[in-house]
Amino acid sequence: MKRYTLLLAALIPAAHAIDLPAVADAALRTAQPASNFGALPQLQVDNATHAVIRFDLTALPPGATAASVASASLRLFVNRVVTPGNVNLSRVESPWTESTVTAATMPTLGAGLNASLQVTDANMYYIVDATELVRGWLTAPSTAHGILLTAASPTTVFFDSKESTATSHPATLTVVLNGPPGPKGDTGAQGPQGIQGIQGPRGFTGATGATGATGATGPAGPSTLNGLILHSRFDYSIVGNYTSWASVNCPPSHPIVIGGGCGHRDSNGASDDIKVNYTGPTSSSGAGWRCMVENTSGDSRALVMYTICAK
């Protein structure tokens, strides 16, 4: 079996990733508007059932700001698919409690995350870019009330909740922070000042020559790639003795995937127990990138996934 190593370190500045598992989640069933389902091991999402998820950003280092965030990704694990389809994500704008929230008391919603999550297969991770969402929460911490998952008919899928004991893959927010600047180096000693030379005599000003003819316009130069290519990085983890699929769709602004890859997050401490069994486009239409990674050790391993999308 071939193994692939992803070498993109030169594209990424010094940074470190922090995983923030969900601290609260619950299903909201409109057919049972007064009932609470915060203790269920899975989060059902369909046209009549929604799911709310919240994260605790206070686990980030003190002083972390929006400018500190290099990237952020939301990782969701689908354990069952009844009918595949799109899942929509919206910001939650008011407080709620896992043990009391119901469909009748569903919190206020804000704008969408401008992300399309196409769920096709079960028993795999799905990753959504949440960089701007986390930056917004750090700018206004009082608005960090989580997200809501919804879907239109006939889509029906089930995600792991934080109470899941079967697969135990709760929703996780991975925040990659920019590394701190290095210490300022010592100022070098100033060299000796050179001797100023003697100024020579000023020459006579020559007569102005005739204006030459205008040359022909040259051909247009090549277009720039700036803005046409989008590089995205997503960090996640895999438990010991487990094989996991992860899938990342390109955003609407850059809908065509042209490359990607995945591998061990720590390039210096990468071990032989991580195997990439598959890495390639999610489908022939080129809507995103997916990887199947196997962890043959008994411990969790930190992984990283990259996508390169174009307009």
C-alpha atoms as a PDB file:
ATOM      1  CA  MET A   1       0.000   0.000   0.000  1.00  0.00           C
ATOM      2  CA  LYS A   2       1.380   3.400  -0.945  1.00  0.00           C
ATOM      3  CA  ARG A   3       1.827   6.051   1.677  1.00  0.00           C
ATOM      4  CA  TYR A   4       1.780   9.763   1.019  1.00  0.00           C
ATOM      5  CA  THR A   5       3.468  12.524   2.964  1.00  0.00           C
ATOM      6  CA  LEU A   6       2.108  16.069   2.735  1.00  0.00           C
ATOM      7  CA  LEU A   7       4.838  18.726   2.709  1.00  0.00           C
ATOM      8  CA  LEU A   8       3.236  22.182   2.866  1.00  0.00           C
ATOM      9  CA  ALA A   9       5.083  23.569   5.875  1.00  0.00           C
ATOM     10  CA  ALA A  10       6.498  26.412   3.838  1.00  0.00           C
ATOM     11  CA  LEU A  11       2.970  27.704   3.196  1.00  0.00           C
ATOM     12  CA  ILE A  12       1.947  27.831   6.859  1.00  0.00           C
ATOM     13  CA  PRO A  13       3.445  30.226   9.464  1.00  0.00           C
ATOM     14  CA  ALA A  14       4.425  28.968  12.909  1.00  0.00           C
ATOM     15  CA  ALA A  15       1.135  28.148  14.651  1.00  0.00           C
ATOM     16  CA  HIS A  16      -0.443  25.721  17.074  1.00  0.00           C
ATOM     17  CA  ALA A  17      -3.890  24.119  17.111  1.00  0.00           C
ATOM     18  CA  ILE A  18      -6.286  23.792  20.050  1.00  0.00           C
ATOM     19  CA  ASP A  19      -9.249  21.368  20.010  1.00  0.00           C
ATOM     20  CA  LEU A  20     -12.431  22.610  21.722  1.00  0.00           C
ATOM     21  CA  PRO A  21     -15.006  19.770  22.065  1.00  0.00           C
ATOM     22  CA  ALA A  22     -18.668  20.731  22.386  1.00  0.00           C
ATOM     23  CA  VAL A  23     -19.707  21.631  25.945  1.00  0.00           C
ATOM     24  CA  ALA A  24     -23.452  21.501  25.187  1.00  0.00           C
ATOM     25  CA  ASP A  25     -25.640  20.024  22.438  1.00  0.00           C
ATOM     26  CA  ALA A  26     -29.268  19.021  22.022  1.00  0.00           C
ATOM     27  CA  ALA A  27     -31.830  17.996  19.414  1.00  0.00           C
ATOM     28  CA  LEU A  28     -34.953  20.161  18.940  1.00  0.00           C
ATOM     29  CA  ARG A  29     -38.001  18.257  17.689  1.00  0.00           C
ATOM     30  CA  THR A  30     -40.815  20.467  16.402  1.00  0.00           C
ATOM     31  CA  ALA A  31     -43.206  17.502  16.695  1.00  0.00           C
ATOM     32  CA  GLN A  32     -42.511  17.521  20.466  1.00  0.00           C
ATOM     33  CA  PRO A  33     -42.012  21.250  21.103  1.00  0.00           C
ATOM     34  CA  ALA A  34     -42.112  21.044  24.908  1.00  0.00           C
ATOM     35  CA  SER A  35     -39.680  18.110  25.320  1.00  0.00           C
ATOM     36  CA  ASN A  36     -35.952  18.350  25.967  1.00  0.00           C
ATOM     37  CA  PHE A  37     -33.519  15.965  24.230  1.00  0.00           C
ATOM     38  CA  GLY A  38     -30.185  17.184  25.589  1.00  0.00           C
ATOM     39  CA  ALA A  39     -29.135  13.767  26.939  1.00  0.00           C
ATOM     40  CA  LEU A  40     -29.448  11.773  23.697  1.00  0.00           C
ATOM     41  CA  PRO A  41     -26.267  10.176  22.248  1.00  0.00           C
ATOM     42  CA  GLN A  42     -26.969  11.507  18.753  1.00  0.00           C
ATOM     43  CA  LEU A  43     -28.246  14.674  17.096  1.00  0.00           C
ATOM     44  CA  GLN A  44     -30.922  14.065  14.478  1.00  0.00           C
ATOM     45  CA  VAL A  45     -31.227  16.695  11.727  1.00  0.00           C
ATOM     46  CA  ASP A  46     -34.090  16.784   9.212  1.00  0.00           C
ATOM     47  CA  ASN A  47     -36.879  19.150   8.164  1.00  0.00           C
ATOM     48  CA  ALA A  48     -38.650  18.776  11.540  1.00  0.00           C
ATOM     49  CA  THR A  49     -35.665  18.207  13.865  1.00  0.00           C
ATOM     50  CA  HIS A  50     -32.784  20.608  14.440  1.00  0.00           C
ATOM     51  CA  ALA A  51     -29.631  20.500  16.569  1.00  0.00           C
ATOM     52  CA  VAL A  52     -27.868  23.159  18.655  1.00  0.00           C
ATOM     53  CA  ILE A  53     -24.177  22.940  19.612  1.00  0.00           C
ATOM     54  CA  ARG A  54     -22.078  25.253  21.814  1.00  0.00           C
ATOM     55  CA  PHE A  55     -18.320  25.515  22.485  1.00  0.00           C
ATOM     56  CA  ASP A  56     -16.301  27.107  25.299  1.00  0.00           C
ATOM     57  CA  LEU A  57     -13.830  29.635  23.904  1.00  0.00           C
ATOM     58  CA  THR A  58     -12.439  30.451  27.372  1.00  0.00           C
ATOM     59  CA  ALA A  59     -10.181  27.402  26.910  1.00  0.00           C
ATOM     60  CA  LEU A  60      -8.148  29.468  24.430  1.00  0.00           C
ATOM     61  CA  PRO A  61      -5.033  31.224  25.798  1.00  0.00           C
ATOM     62  CA  PRO A  62      -5.712  34.480  27.673  1.00  0.00           C
ATOM     63  CA  GLY A  63      -5.553  37.476  25.401  1.00  0.00           C
ATOM     64  CA  ALA A  64      -6.519  35.562  22.236  1.00  0.00           C
ATOM     65  CA  THR A  65      -8.190  37.917  19.748  1.00  0.00           C
ATOM     66  CA  ALA A  66      -9.614  37.679  16.249  1.00  0.00           C
ATOM     67  CA  ALA A  67      -6.174  38.614  14.905  1.00  0.00           C
ATOM     68  CA  SER A  68      -4.684  35.627  16.769  1.00  0.00           C
ATOM     69  CA  VAL A  69      -6.735  33.134  14.723  1.00  0.00           C
ATOM     70  CA  ALA A  70      -4.926  31.763  11.664  1.00  0.00           C
ATOM     71  CA  SER A  71      -7.833  29.402  10.880  1.00  0.00           C
ATOM     72  CA  ALA A  72     -10.638  27.477  12.564  1.00  0.00           C
ATOM     73  CA  SER A  73     -12.597  24.403  11.522  1.00  0.00           C
ATOM     74  CA  LEU A  74     -15.761  22.732  12.780  1.00  0.00           C
ATOM     75  CA  ARG A  75     -15.560  18.922  12.757  1.00  0.00           C
ATOM     76  CA  LEU A  76     -18.804  16.885  12.835  1.00  0.00           C
ATOM     77  CA  PHE A  77     -19.090  13.083  12.837  1.00  0.00           C
ATOM     78  CA  VAL A  78     -22.023  11.487  10.990  1.00  0.00           C
ATOM     79  CA  ASN A  79     -22.892   8.059  12.407  1.00  0.00           C
ATOM     80  CA  ARG A  80     -26.017   7.407  10.316  1.00  0.00           C
ATOM     81  CA  VAL A  81     -27.496   8.619   7.022  1.00  0.00           C
ATOM     82  CA  VAL A  82     -31.148   7.865   6.255  1.00  0.00           C
ATOM     83  CA  THR A  83     -31.389  10.232   3.281  1.00  0.00           C
ATOM     84  CA  PRO A  84     -28.287  12.162   2.130  1.00  0.00           C
ATOM     85  CA  GLY A  85     -28.460  15.886   1.434  1.00  0.00           C
ATOM     86  CA  ASN A  86     -27.443  19.387   2.519  1.00  0.00           C
ATOM     87  CA  VAL A  87     -27.153  20.468   6.151  1.00  0.00           C
ATOM     88  CA  ASN A  88     -27.331  24.212   6.832  1.00  0.00           C
ATOM     89  CA  LEU A  89     -25.434  25.949   9.657  1.00  0.00           C
ATOM     90  CA  SER A  90     -26.583  29.164  11.361  1.00  0.00           C
ATOM     91  CA  ARG A  91     -25.243  31.243  14.237  1.00  0.00           C
ATOM     92  CA  VAL A  92     -27.147  31.148  17.531  1.00  0.00           C
ATOM     93  CA  GLU A  93     -27.605  34.650  18.921  1.00  0.00           C
ATOM     94  CA  SER A  94     -29.169  34.065  22.376  1.00  0.00           C
ATOM     95  CA  PRO A  95     -28.315  31.922  25.452  1.00  0.00           C
ATOM     96  CA  TRP A  96     -29.661  28.384  25.939  1.00  0.00           C
ATOM     97  CA  THR A  97     -29.107  25.472  28.328  1.00  0.00           C
ATOM     98  CA  GLU A  98     -28.629  21.853  27.256  1.00  0.00           C
ATOM     99  CA  SER A  99     -30.905  20.403  29.947  1.00  0.00           C
ATOM    100  CA  THR A 100     -33.851  22.753  29.274  1.00  0.00           C
ATOM    101  CA  VAL A 101     -33.796  23.898  25.622  1.00  0.00           C
ATOM    102  CA  THR A 102     -36.730  22.710  23.484  1.00  0.00           C
ATOM    103  CA  ALA A 103     -38.146  23.441  20.039  1.00  0.00           C
ATOM    104  CA  ALA A 104     -40.579  25.851  21.709  1.00  0.00           C
ATOM    105  CA  THR A 105     -37.702  27.767  23.368  1.00  0.00           C
ATOM    106  CA  MET A 106     -35.281  27.541  20.440  1.00  0.00           C
ATOM    107  CA  PRO A 107     -32.723  30.383  20.684  1.00  0.00           C
ATOM    108  CA  THR A 108     -32.638  33.323  18.300  1.00  0.00           C
ATOM    109  CA  LEU A 109     -30.746  32.720  15.055  1.00  0.00           C
ATOM    110  CA  GLY A 110     -28.289  34.982  13.273  1.00  0.00           C
ATOM    111  CA  ALA A 111     -26.805  34.927   9.788  1.00  0.00           C
ATOM    112  CA  GLY A 112     -25.673  31.693   8.146  1.00  0.00           C
ATOM    113  CA  LEU A 113     -22.041  30.639   8.024  1.00  0.00           C
ATOM    114  CA  ASN A 114     -21.858  30.790   4.203  1.00  0.00           C
ATOM    115  CA  ALA A 115     -20.966  27.079   4.252  1.00  0.00           C
ATOM    116  CA  SER A 116     -22.602  24.180   2.429  1.00  0.00           C
ATOM    117  CA  LEU A 117     -22.254  20.790   4.138  1.00  0.00           C
ATOM    118  CA  GLN A 118     -23.148  17.993   1.714  1.00  0.00           C
ATOM    119  CA  VAL A 119     -23.652  14.788   3.736  1.00  0.00           C
ATOM    120  CA  THR A 120     -23.427  11.626   1.652  1.00  0.00           C
ATOM    121  CA  ASP A 121     -21.905   8.818   3.776  1.00  0.00           C
ATOM    122  CA  ALA A 122     -22.085   7.643   7.379  1.00  0.00           C
ATOM    123  CA  ASN A 123     -19.222   6.849   9.793  1.00  0.00           C
ATOM    124  CA  MET A 124     -17.051   9.737   8.644  1.00  0.00           C
ATOM    125  CA  TYR A 125     -16.047  13.248   9.658  1.00  0.00           C
ATOM    126  CA  TYR A 126     -17.282  16.353   7.860  1.00  0.00           C
ATOM    127  CA  ILE A 127     -15.299  19.571   8.244  1.00  0.00           C
ATOM    128  CA  VAL A 128     -16.544  23.145   7.796  1.00  0.00           C
ATOM    129  CA  ASP A 129     -14.422  26.298   7.692  1.00  0.00           C
ATOM    130  CA  ALA A 130     -15.324  28.293  10.834  1.00  0.00           C
ATOM    131  CA  THR A 131     -12.553  30.902  10.768  1.00  0.00           C
ATOM    132  CA  GLU A 132     -14.770  33.989  10.480  1.00  0.00           C
ATOM    133  CA  LEU A 133     -17.252  32.535  12.979  1.00  0.00           C
ATOM    134  CA  VAL A 134     -14.570  32.148  15.681  1.00  0.00           C
ATOM    135  CA  ARG A 135     -13.054  35.551  14.920  1.00  0.00           C
ATOM    136  CA  GLY A 136     -16.488  37.094  15.365  1.00  0.00           C
ATOM    137  CA  TRP A 137     -16.994  35.329  18.690  1.00  0.00           C
ATOM    138  CA  LEU A 138     -13.618  36.551  19.974  1.00  0.00           C
ATOM    139  CA  THR A 139     -14.444  40.096  18.883  1.00  0.00           C
ATOM    140  CA  ALA A 140     -17.824  39.946  20.690  1.00  0.00           C
ATOM    141  CA  PRO A 141     -17.654  37.131  23.320  1.00  0.00           C
ATOM    142  CA  SER A 142     -21.230  37.811  24.446  1.00  0.00           C
ATOM    143  CA  THR A 143     -22.475  36.449  21.088  1.00  0.00           C
ATOM    144  CA  ALA A 144     -20.701  33.043  21.372  1.00  0.00           C
ATOM    145  CA  HIS A 145     -23.852  30.970  21.868  1.00  0.00           C
ATOM    146  CA  GLY A 146     -23.047  28.265  19.305  1.00  0.00           C
ATOM    147  CA  ILE A 147     -24.588  27.074  16.047  1.00  0.00           C
ATOM    148  CA  LEU A 148     -27.813  25.482  14.800  1.00  0.00           C
ATOM    149  CA  LEU A 149     -27.954  22.629  12.258  1.00  0.00           C
ATOM    150  CA  THR A 150     -31.019  22.385   9.992  1.00  0.00           C
ATOM    151  CA  ALA A 151     -31.955  20.493   6.822  1.00  0.00           C
ATOM    152  CA  ALA A 152     -34.744  20.586   4.270  1.00  0.00           C
ATOM    153  CA  SER A 153     -36.798  17.525   3.297  1.00  0.00           C
ATOM    154  CA  PRO A 154     -35.936  14.777   2.466  1.00  0.00           C
ATOM    155  CA  THR A 155     -32.477  15.018   4.132  1.00  0.00           C
ATOM    156  CA  THR A 156     -32.247  12.981   7.358  1.00  0.00           C
ATOM    157  CA  VAL A 157     -28.870  12.455   9.066  1.00  0.00           C
ATOM    158  CA  PHE A 158     -27.583  11.726  12.586  1.00  0.00           C
ATOM    159  CA  PHE A 159     -24.478  13.292  14.154  1.00  0.00           C
ATOM    160  CA  ASP A 160     -22.636  12.143  17.296  1.00  0.00           C
ATOM    161  CA  SER A 161     -23.509  14.183  20.372  1.00  0.00           C
ATOM    162  CA  LYS A 162     -21.121  14.639  23.289  1.00  0.00           C
ATOM    163  CA  GLU A 163     -23.071  11.894  25.119  1.00  0.00           C
ATOM    164  CA  SER A 164     -22.300   9.279  22.449  1.00  0.00           C
ATOM    165  CA  THR A 165     -20.638   6.146  23.840  1.00  0.00           C
ATOM    166  CA  ALA A 166     -20.734   4.041  20.655  1.00  0.00           C
ATOM    167  CA  THR A 167     -18.406   6.071  18.420  1.00  0.00           C
ATOM    168  CA  SER A 168     -17.651   8.939  20.860  1.00  0.00           C
ATOM    169  CA  HIS A 169     -16.917  11.660  18.315  1.00  0.00           C
ATOM    170  CA  PRO A 170     -18.523  14.875  19.634  1.00  0.00           C
ATOM    171  CA  ALA A 171     -18.536  18.030  17.554  1.00  0.00           C
ATOM    172  CA  THR A 172     -15.153  19.743  17.886  1.00  0.00           C
ATOM    173  CA  LEU A 173     -13.950  23.233  17.066  1.00  0.00           C
ATOM    174  CA  THR A 174     -10.240  23.281  16.152  1.00  0.00           C
ATOM    175  CA  VAL A 175      -8.649  26.730  16.375  1.00  0.00           C
ATOM    176  CA  VAL A 176      -5.197  27.302  14.864  1.00  0.00           C
ATOM    177  CA  LEU A 177      -3.513  30.294  16.494  1.00  0.00           C
ATOM    178  CA  ASN A 178      -0.719  32.322  14.973  1.00  0.00           C
ATOM    179  CA  GLY A 179       2.632  31.696  16.644  1.00  0.00           C
ATOM    180  CA  PRO A 180       4.096  34.497  18.789  1.00  0.00           C
ATOM    181  CA  PRO A 181       6.764  36.739  17.192  1.00  0.00           C
ATOM    182  CA  GLY A 182      10.335  35.822  17.986  1.00  0.00           C
ATOM    183  CA  PRO A 183      12.574  38.017  20.173  1.00  0.00           C
ATOM    184  CA  LYS A 184      14.137  41.061  18.595  1.00  0.00           C
ATOM    185  CA  GLY A 185      17.797  40.572  17.746  1.00  0.00           C
ATOM    186  CA  ASP A 186      20.600  42.809  19.017  1.00  0.00           C
ATOM    187  CA  THR A 187      21.402  45.923  17.038  1.00  0.00           C
ATOM    188  CA  GLY A 188      24.683  45.570  15.186  1.00  0.00           C
ATOM    189  CA  ALA A 189      27.536  47.987  15.736  1.00  0.00           C
ATOM    190  CA  GLN A 190      27.667  50.972  13.425  1.00  0.00           C
ATOM    191  CA  GLY A 191      30.636  50.994  11.041  1.00  0.00           C
ATOM    192  CA  PRO A 192      33.026  53.974  10.721  1.00  0.00           C
ATOM    193  CA  GLN A 193      31.884  56.896   8.609  1.00  0.00           C
ATOM    194  CA  GLY A 194      33.724  57.194   5.284  1.00  0.00           C
ATOM    195  CA  ILE A 195      35.572  60.306   4.143  1.00  0.00           C
ATOM    196  CA  GLN A 196      33.486  62.593   1.968  1.00  0.00           C
ATOM    197  CA  GLY A 197      34.969  63.074  -1.483  1.00  0.00           C
ATOM    198  CA  ILE A 198      35.597  66.424  -3.149  1.00  0.00           C
ATOM    199  CA  GLN A 199      32.792  67.527  -5.454  1.00  0.00           C
ATOM    200  CA  GLY A 200      33.925  67.999  -9.071  1.00  0.00           C
ATOM    201  CA  PRO A 201      33.046  70.967 -11.254  1.00  0.00           C
ATOM    202  CA  ARG A 202      29.564  71.085 -12.708  1.00  0.00           C
ATOM    203  CA  GLY A 203      29.339  70.395 -16.438  1.00  0.00           C
ATOM    204  CA  PHE A 204      27.411  72.398 -19.042  1.00  0.00           C
ATOM    205  CA  THR A 205      23.755  71.510 -19.612  1.00  0.00           C
ATOM    206  CA  GLY A 206      23.254  70.023 -23.084  1.00  0.00           C
ATOM    207  CA  ALA A 207      20.497  71.039 -25.486  1.00  0.00           C
ATOM    208  CA  THR A 208      17.168  69.185 -25.206  1.00  0.00           C
ATOM    209  CA  GLY A 209      16.818  66.515 -27.918  1.00  0.00           C
ATOM    210  CA  ALA A 210      13.773  66.070 -30.138  1.00  0.00           C
ATOM    211  CA  THR A 211      10.860  63.990 -28.814  1.00  0.00           C
ATOM    212  CA  GLY A 212      10.954  60.453 -30.232  1.00  0.00           C
ATOM    213  CA  ALA A 213       7.993  58.685 -31.857  1.00  0.00           C
ATOM    214  CA  THR A 214       5.577  56.726 -29.626  1.00  0.00           C
ATOM    215  CA  GLY A 215       6.261  53.001 -29.759  1.00  0.00           C
ATOM    216  CA  ALA A 216       3.630  50.312 -30.379  1.00  0.00           C
ATOM    217  CA  THR A 217       1.718  48.936 -27.381  1.00  0.00           C
ATOM    218  CA  GLY A 218       3.193  45.641 -26.192  1.00  0.00           C
ATOM    219  CA  PRO A 219       1.141  42.477 -25.571  1.00  0.00           C
ATOM    220  CA  ALA A 220      -0.746  42.125 -22.265  1.00  0.00           C
ATOM    221  CA  GLY A 221       1.202  40.341 -19.536  1.00  0.00           C
ATOM    222  CA  PRO A 222       0.003  37.111 -17.864  1.00  0.00           C
ATOM    223  CA  SER A 223      -2.866  37.343 -15.350  1.00  0.00           C
ATOM    224  CA  THR A 224      -2.090  36.982 -11.661  1.00  0.00           C
ATOM    225  CA  LEU A 225      -3.172  33.963  -9.614  1.00  0.00           C
ATOM    226  CA  ASN A 226      -3.786  36.187  -6.594  1.00  0.00           C
ATOM    227  CA  GLY A 227      -7.401  35.677  -5.562  1.00  0.00           C
ATOM    228  CA  LEU A 228      -7.975  32.761  -7.948  1.00  0.00           C
ATOM    229  CA  ILE A 229      -6.490  30.135  -5.611  1.00  0.00           C
ATOM    230  CA  LEU A 230      -7.599  29.426  -2.020  1.00  0.00           C
ATOM    231  CA  HIS A 231      -5.547  27.291   0.389  1.00  0.00           C
ATOM    232  CA  SER A 232      -7.418  25.893   3.417  1.00  0.00           C
ATOM    233  CA  ARG A 233      -6.034  23.983   6.398  1.00  0.00           C
ATOM    234  CA  PHE A 234      -8.176  21.849   8.731  1.00  0.00           C
ATOM    235  CA  ASP A 235      -6.920  20.167  11.911  1.00  0.00           C
ATOM    236  CA  TYR A 236      -8.566  17.185  13.584  1.00  0.00           C
ATOM    237  CA  SER A 237      -7.776  14.089  15.665  1.00  0.00           C
ATOM    238  CA  ILE A 238      -8.360  10.336  15.328  1.00  0.00           C
ATOM    239  CA  VAL A 239      -8.656   7.872  18.208  1.00  0.00           C
ATOM    240  CA  GLY A 240      -6.442   4.784  18.500  1.00  0.00           C
ATOM    241  CA  ASN A 241      -7.041   1.658  16.390  1.00  0.00           C
ATOM    242  CA  TYR A 242      -9.547   3.423  14.150  1.00  0.00           C
ATOM    243  CA  THR A 243      -9.998   4.231  10.448  1.00  0.00           C
ATOM    244  CA  SER A 244     -11.658   7.568   9.670  1.00  0.00           C
ATOM    245  CA  TRP A 245     -12.959   9.360   6.601  1.00  0.00           C
ATOM    246  CA  ALA A 246     -12.781  13.170   6.506  1.00  0.00           C
ATOM    247  CA  SER A 247     -14.308  15.332   3.781  1.00  0.00           C
ATOM    248  CA  VAL A 248     -13.937  19.058   3.023  1.00  0.00           C
ATOM    249  CA  ASN A 249     -16.011  20.887   0.408  1.00  0.00           C
ATOM    250  CA  CYS A 250     -14.691  23.945  -1.435  1.00  0.00           C
ATOM    251  CA  PRO A 251     -16.536  27.197  -0.519  1.00  0.00           C
ATOM    252  CA  PRO A 252     -18.928  28.861  -2.994  1.00  0.00           C
ATOM    253  CA  SER A 253     -16.309  31.584  -3.658  1.00  0.00           C
ATOM    254  CA  HIS A 254     -13.805  28.966  -4.959  1.00  0.00           C
ATOM    255  CA  PRO A 255     -15.967  25.964  -5.998  1.00  0.00           C
ATOM    256  CA  ILE A 256     -13.396  23.901  -7.945  1.00  0.00           C
ATOM    257  CA  VAL A 257     -10.963  21.655  -6.041  1.00  0.00           C
ATOM    258  CA  ILE A 258      -7.544  21.297  -7.696  1.00  0.00           C
ATOM    259  CA  GLY A 259      -5.587  19.515  -4.973  1.00  0.00           C
ATOM    260  CA  GLY A 260      -5.293  18.510  -1.351  1.00  0.00           C
ATOM    261  CA  GLY A 261      -3.876  16.006   1.071  1.00  0.00           C
ATOM    262  CA  CYS A 262      -3.752  14.835   4.654  1.00  0.00           C
ATOM    263  CA  GLY A 263      -1.287  13.450   7.139  1.00  0.00           C
ATOM    264  CA  HIS A 264       0.180  13.658  10.645  1.00  0.00           C
ATOM    265  CA  ARG A 265      -0.151  17.160  12.140  1.00  0.00           C
ATOM    266  CA  ASP A 266       3.297  17.123  13.798  1.00  0.00           C
ATOM    267  CA  SER A 267       5.844  16.854  10.983  1.00  0.00           C
ATOM    268  CA  ASN A 268       8.698  16.509  13.487  1.00  0.00           C
ATOM    269  CA  GLY A 269       7.028  13.741  15.492  1.00  0.00           C
ATOM    270  CA  ALA A 270       5.177  11.929  12.699  1.00  0.00           C
ATOM    271  CA  SER A 271       5.009   8.206  13.396  1.00  0.00           C
ATOM    272  CA  ASP A 272       4.586   5.103  11.261  1.00  0.00           C
ATOM    273  CA  ASP A 273       1.247   4.234  12.843  1.00  0.00           C
ATOM    274  CA  ILE A 274      -0.626   6.791  10.672  1.00  0.00           C
ATOM    275  CA  LYS A 275      -1.531   5.439   7.214  1.00  0.00           C
ATOM    276  CA  VAL A 276      -3.287   7.391   4.461  1.00  0.00           C
ATOM    277  CA  ASN A 277      -5.350   4.767   2.642  1.00  0.00           C
ATOM    278  CA  TYR A 278      -7.015   7.221   0.257  1.00  0.00           C
ATOM    279  CA  THR A 279      -6.718  10.907  -0.631  1.00  0.00           C
ATOM    280  CA  GLY A 280      -8.499  12.482  -3.581  1.00  0.00           C
ATOM    281  CA  PRO A 281     -11.541  14.454  -4.810  1.00  0.00           C
ATOM    282  CA  THR A 282     -14.887  13.718  -3.173  1.00  0.00           C
ATOM    283  CA  SER A 283     -16.472  12.984  -6.561  1.00  0.00           C
ATOM    284  CA  SER A 284     -15.948  13.323 -10.304  1.00  0.00           C
ATOM    285  CA  SER A 285     -17.551  16.781 -10.123  1.00  0.00           C
ATOM    286  CA  GLY A 286     -14.604  18.024  -8.046  1.00  0.00           C
ATOM    287  CA  ALA A 287     -16.677  19.647  -5.281  1.00  0.00           C
ATOM    288  CA  GLY A 288     -14.172  18.936  -2.496  1.00  0.00           C
ATOM    289  CA  TRP A 289     -11.429  16.698  -1.101  1.00  0.00           C
ATOM    290  CA  ARG A 290     -11.607  13.619   1.122  1.00  0.00           C
ATOM    291  CA  CYS A 291      -9.140  11.348   2.931  1.00  0.00           C
ATOM    292  CA  MET A 292      -9.295   7.957   4.637  1.00  0.00           C
ATOM    293  CA  VAL A 293      -6.720   7.748   7.433  1.00  0.00           C
ATOM    294  CA  GLU A 294      -5.938   4.725   9.617  1.00  0.00           C
ATOM    295  CA  ASN A 295      -4.448   5.007  13.126  1.00  0.00           C
ATOM    296  CA  THR A 296      -2.874   1.647  14.013  1.00  0.00           C
ATOM    297  CA  SER A 297      -1.644   2.784  17.438  1.00  0.00           C
ATOM    298  CA  GLY A 298      -3.576   2.600  20.692  1.00  0.00           C
ATOM    299  CA  ASP A 299      -3.399   6.377  21.225  1.00  0.00           C
ATOM    300  CA  SER A 300      -5.065   9.374  19.615  1.00  0.00           C
ATOM    301  CA  ARG A 301      -3.147  11.112  16.846  1.00  0.00           C
ATOM    302  CA  ALA A 302      -3.330  14.710  15.613  1.00  0.00           C
ATOM    303  CA  LEU A 303      -3.991  15.018  11.866  1.00  0.00           C
ATOM    304  CA  VAL A 304      -4.070  17.854   9.354  1.00  0.00           C
ATOM    305  CA  MET A 305      -5.897  18.129   6.033  1.00  0.00           C
ATOM    306  CA  TYR A 306      -5.365  20.631   3.218  1.00  0.00           C
ATOM    307  CA  THR A 307      -7.516  21.634   0.261  1.00  0.00           C
ATOM    308  CA  ILE A 308      -6.587  23.834  -2.693  1.00  0.00           C
ATOM    309  CA  CYS A 309      -9.619  25.358  -4.404  1.00  0.00           C
ATOM    310  CA  ALA A 310      -9.952  27.665  -7.412  1.00  0.00           C
ATOM    311  CA  LYS A 311     -12.533  29.970  -8.972  1.00  0.00           C
END
